Amino acid sequence: MGPVTIAEQRSALADVVTIDQEVLHGIPCFANTRVPVQTLLDFLETGETIDDFLAVYPSIPRQHVFAFLELSRDIAIDQLTCASS
């Protein structure tokens, strides 16, 4: 399997993250919630775990958290690679 394209990354990310001007003024949120993805990053940044996050936000499927983190990593690596070329 070859590298994942940016279009494929965006499509996969759209399944777990929504950006809607009607929901929190367009802040990226986990799909079908009003929970900003930044909240997960804040949890992790302060040393809390994914389980801690899911205990507070049980409506978010665990697989969405992992998909968001994986896709975010891939997008960040792609951006860094492009910037260094």
N, C-alpha and C. Protein backbone atom coordinates (compact mmCIF):
# COMPACT_ATOMS: atom_id res chain seq x y z
N MET A 1 0.84 -1.18 0.00
CA MET A 1 0.00 0.00 0.00
C MET A 1 0.89 1.24 0.00
N GLY A 2 0.63 2.17 -0.90
CA GLY A 2 1.45 3.36 -1.05
C GLY A 2 1.10 4.42 -0.03
N PRO A 3 1.77 5.57 -0.13
CA PRO A 3 1.51 6.66 0.80
C PRO A 3 0.07 7.16 0.66
N VAL A 4 -0.45 7.64 1.75
CA VAL A 4 -1.81 8.16 1.78
C VAL A 4 -1.78 9.59 1.24
N THR A 5 -2.71 9.91 0.34
CA THR A 5 -2.75 11.24 -0.23
C THR A 5 -3.40 12.22 0.75
N ILE A 6 -3.19 13.50 0.50
CA ILE A 6 -3.80 14.53 1.33
C ILE A 6 -5.32 14.43 1.25
N ALA A 7 -5.85 14.15 0.08
CA ALA A 7 -7.30 14.01 -0.07
C ALA A 7 -7.82 12.85 0.77
N GLU A 8 -7.08 11.74 0.79
CA GLU A 8 -7.49 10.59 1.61
C GLU A 8 -7.41 10.94 3.10
N GLN A 9 -6.38 11.68 3.49
CA GLN A 9 -6.26 12.10 4.89
C GLN A 9 -7.44 12.99 5.28
N ARG A 10 -7.78 13.94 4.44
CA ARG A 10 -8.90 14.85 4.74
C ARG A 10 -10.22 14.09 4.81
N SER A 11 -10.41 13.15 3.91
CA SER A 11 -11.63 12.35 3.91
C SER A 11 -11.74 11.54 5.20
N ALA A 12 -10.65 10.90 5.60
CA ALA A 12 -10.66 10.11 6.84
C ALA A 12 -10.88 11.01 8.05
N LEU A 13 -10.26 12.18 8.04
CA LEU A 13 -10.41 13.11 9.15
C LEU A 13 -11.84 13.62 9.25
N ALA A 14 -12.50 13.79 8.11
CA ALA A 14 -13.89 14.26 8.09
C ALA A 14 -14.83 13.29 8.79
N ASP A 15 -14.45 12.03 8.88
CA ASP A 15 -15.28 11.05 9.57
C ASP A 15 -15.21 11.21 11.09
N VAL A 16 -14.15 11.86 11.59
CA VAL A 16 -13.99 11.98 13.04
C VAL A 16 -14.02 13.41 13.54
N VAL A 17 -13.83 14.37 12.65
CA VAL A 17 -13.80 15.78 13.04
C VAL A 17 -14.70 16.57 12.11
N THR A 18 -15.49 17.46 12.70
CA THR A 18 -16.33 18.35 11.88
C THR A 18 -15.98 19.80 12.18
N ILE A 19 -16.12 20.61 11.14
CA ILE A 19 -15.94 22.05 11.27
C ILE A 19 -17.19 22.68 10.70
N ASP A 20 -17.97 23.29 11.57
CA ASP A 20 -19.26 23.84 11.19
C ASP A 20 -19.40 25.21 11.85
N GLN A 21 -19.61 26.24 11.05
CA GLN A 21 -19.74 27.59 11.59
C GLN A 21 -20.90 27.71 12.58
N GLU A 22 -21.86 26.80 12.49
CA GLU A 22 -23.01 26.81 13.40
C GLU A 22 -22.70 26.12 14.73
N VAL A 23 -21.59 25.41 14.81
CA VAL A 23 -21.20 24.71 16.03
C VAL A 23 -19.90 25.32 16.54
N LEU A 24 -19.99 26.01 17.67
CA LEU A 24 -18.82 26.64 18.29
C LEU A 24 -18.04 27.51 17.31
N HIS A 25 -18.76 28.20 16.42
CA HIS A 25 -18.17 29.15 15.48
C HIS A 25 -17.09 28.55 14.60
N GLY A 26 -17.23 27.28 14.24
CA GLY A 26 -16.31 26.64 13.32
C GLY A 26 -15.07 26.03 13.95
N ILE A 27 -15.04 25.94 15.27
CA ILE A 27 -13.91 25.28 15.94
C ILE A 27 -13.98 23.79 15.63
N PRO A 28 -12.87 23.16 15.22
CA PRO A 28 -12.91 21.72 14.92
C PRO A 28 -13.34 20.90 16.16
N CYS A 29 -14.37 20.09 15.97
CA CYS A 29 -14.93 19.26 17.05
C CYS A 29 -14.97 17.81 16.61
N PHE A 30 -15.00 16.92 17.59
CA PHE A 30 -15.23 15.53 17.27
C PHE A 30 -16.61 15.41 16.63
N ALA A 31 -16.73 14.58 15.60
CA ALA A 31 -17.97 14.44 14.85
C ALA A 31 -19.15 14.15 15.77
N ASN A 32 -20.25 14.81 15.48
CA ASN A 32 -21.51 14.63 16.20
C ASN A 32 -21.44 15.02 17.66
N THR A 33 -20.50 15.91 18.01
CA THR A 33 -20.40 16.42 19.37
C THR A 33 -20.11 17.92 19.31
N ARG A 34 -20.06 18.53 20.48
CA ARG A 34 -19.62 19.91 20.60
C ARG A 34 -18.31 19.95 21.39
N VAL A 35 -17.54 18.87 21.31
CA VAL A 35 -16.28 18.76 22.04
C VAL A 35 -15.13 19.09 21.08
N PRO A 36 -14.47 20.22 21.30
CA PRO A 36 -13.34 20.59 20.44
C PRO A 36 -12.21 19.56 20.53
N VAL A 37 -11.58 19.29 19.39
CA VAL A 37 -10.44 18.38 19.40
C VAL A 37 -9.31 18.96 20.26
N GLN A 38 -9.25 20.27 20.38
CA GLN A 38 -8.25 20.91 21.23
C GLN A 38 -8.37 20.44 22.68
N THR A 39 -9.57 20.07 23.11
CA THR A 39 -9.76 19.59 24.47
C THR A 39 -8.97 18.31 24.70
N LEU A 40 -8.96 17.40 23.70
CA LEU A 40 -8.15 16.19 23.82
C LEU A 40 -6.67 16.56 23.93
N LEU A 41 -6.23 17.46 23.08
CA LEU A 41 -4.82 17.86 23.10
C LEU A 41 -4.46 18.50 24.45
N ASP A 42 -5.37 19.28 25.00
CA ASP A 42 -5.14 19.88 26.32
C ASP A 42 -5.01 18.81 27.40
N PHE A 43 -5.87 17.80 27.34
CA PHE A 43 -5.78 16.69 28.30
C PHE A 43 -4.41 16.04 28.23
N LEU A 44 -3.99 15.70 27.01
CA LEU A 44 -2.72 15.00 26.84
C LEU A 44 -1.53 15.89 27.22
N GLU A 45 -1.64 17.17 26.92
CA GLU A 45 -0.56 18.11 27.23
C GLU A 45 -0.34 18.25 28.74
N THR A 46 -1.41 18.09 29.51
CA THR A 46 -1.29 18.23 30.97
C THR A 46 -1.01 16.89 31.66
N GLY A 47 -0.74 15.85 30.85
CA GLY A 47 -0.36 14.57 31.43
C GLY A 47 -1.51 13.61 31.69
N GLU A 48 -2.71 14.02 31.31
CA GLU A 48 -3.83 13.11 31.47
C GLU A 48 -3.84 12.11 30.32
N THR A 49 -4.57 11.04 30.48
CA THR A 49 -4.57 9.96 29.50
C THR A 49 -5.80 10.04 28.61
N ILE A 50 -5.77 9.23 27.56
CA ILE A 50 -6.94 9.09 26.70
C ILE A 50 -8.11 8.55 27.50
N ASP A 51 -7.85 7.62 28.40
CA ASP A 51 -8.93 7.09 29.26
C ASP A 51 -9.53 8.19 30.13
N ASP A 52 -8.69 9.09 30.64
CA ASP A 52 -9.20 10.23 31.43
C ASP A 52 -10.14 11.07 30.57
N PHE A 53 -9.71 11.34 29.35
CA PHE A 53 -10.52 12.14 28.41
C PHE A 53 -11.85 11.45 28.14
N LEU A 54 -11.81 10.16 27.85
CA LEU A 54 -13.03 9.42 27.53
C LEU A 54 -13.96 9.28 28.74
N ALA A 55 -13.40 9.31 29.93
CA ALA A 55 -14.24 9.27 31.13
C ALA A 55 -15.07 10.55 31.26
N VAL A 56 -14.49 11.67 30.84
CA VAL A 56 -15.19 12.95 30.89
C VAL A 56 -16.13 13.11 29.69
N TYR A 57 -15.73 12.56 28.54
CA TYR A 57 -16.50 12.69 27.30
C TYR A 57 -16.83 11.30 26.74
N PRO A 58 -17.70 10.56 27.41
CA PRO A 58 -17.98 9.17 26.99
C PRO A 58 -18.72 9.07 25.66
N SER A 59 -19.26 10.17 25.16
CA SER A 59 -19.97 10.11 23.88
C SER A 59 -19.02 10.04 22.68
N ILE A 60 -17.74 10.26 22.91
CA ILE A 60 -16.76 10.20 21.82
C ILE A 60 -16.22 8.78 21.72
N PRO A 61 -16.37 8.16 20.58
CA PRO A 61 -15.84 6.79 20.43
C PRO A 61 -14.31 6.77 20.53
N ARG A 62 -13.80 5.80 21.24
CA ARG A 62 -12.36 5.63 21.40
C ARG A 62 -11.66 5.63 20.04
N GLN A 63 -12.26 4.95 19.05
CA GLN A 63 -11.62 4.88 17.74
C GLN A 63 -11.51 6.26 17.08
N HIS A 64 -12.40 7.20 17.41
CA HIS A 64 -12.29 8.56 16.88
C HIS A 64 -11.07 9.26 17.46
N VAL A 65 -10.81 9.04 18.74
CA VAL A 65 -9.64 9.64 19.37
C VAL A 65 -8.37 9.14 18.69
N PHE A 66 -8.27 7.83 18.53
CA PHE A 66 -7.07 7.27 17.91
C PHE A 66 -6.95 7.68 16.45
N ALA A 67 -8.06 7.71 15.73
CA ALA A 67 -8.03 8.13 14.33
C ALA A 67 -7.58 9.58 14.22
N PHE A 68 -8.10 10.45 15.10
CA PHE A 68 -7.70 11.85 15.08
C PHE A 68 -6.20 11.98 15.34
N LEU A 69 -5.69 11.30 16.35
CA LEU A 69 -4.27 11.39 16.67
C LEU A 69 -3.40 10.86 15.54
N GLU A 70 -3.79 9.74 14.96
CA GLU A 70 -3.01 9.15 13.87
C GLU A 70 -3.01 10.05 12.64
N LEU A 71 -4.18 10.55 12.26
CA LEU A 71 -4.26 11.42 11.09
C LEU A 71 -3.55 12.74 11.33
N SER A 72 -3.66 13.28 12.53
CA SER A 72 -2.96 14.52 12.86
C SER A 72 -1.46 14.34 12.75
N ARG A 73 -0.98 13.21 13.24
CA ARG A 73 0.45 12.90 13.14
C ARG A 73 0.88 12.84 11.68
N ASP A 74 0.11 12.12 10.87
CA ASP A 74 0.45 11.97 9.45
C ASP A 74 0.46 13.32 8.73
N ILE A 75 -0.54 14.14 9.01
CA ILE A 75 -0.63 15.46 8.37
C ILE A 75 0.55 16.32 8.82
N ALA A 76 0.87 16.29 10.10
CA ALA A 76 1.99 17.09 10.60
C ALA A 76 3.31 16.64 9.96
N ILE A 77 3.52 15.35 9.86
CA ILE A 77 4.75 14.84 9.24
C ILE A 77 4.81 15.26 7.78
N ASP A 78 3.69 15.17 7.07
CA ASP A 78 3.65 15.59 5.67
C ASP A 78 3.99 17.07 5.54
N GLN A 79 3.43 17.89 6.42
CA GLN A 79 3.69 19.33 6.37
C GLN A 79 5.17 19.63 6.66
N LEU A 80 5.74 18.93 7.62
CA LEU A 80 7.15 19.13 7.94
C LEU A 80 8.04 18.69 6.78
N THR A 81 7.67 17.59 6.15
CA THR A 81 8.43 17.09 5.01
C THR A 81 8.39 18.09 3.86
N CYS A 82 7.21 18.63 3.59
CA CYS A 82 7.07 19.62 2.53
C CYS A 82 7.84 20.89 2.84
N ALA A 83 7.82 21.29 4.10
CA ALA A 83 8.52 22.52 4.50
C ALA A 83 10.03 22.39 4.39
N SER A 84 10.53 21.18 4.55
CA SER A 84 11.97 20.99 4.52
C SER A 84 12.50 20.69 3.13
N SER A 85 11.58 20.54 2.16
CA SER A 85 12.00 20.22 0.78
C SER A 85 12.44 21.45 0.04
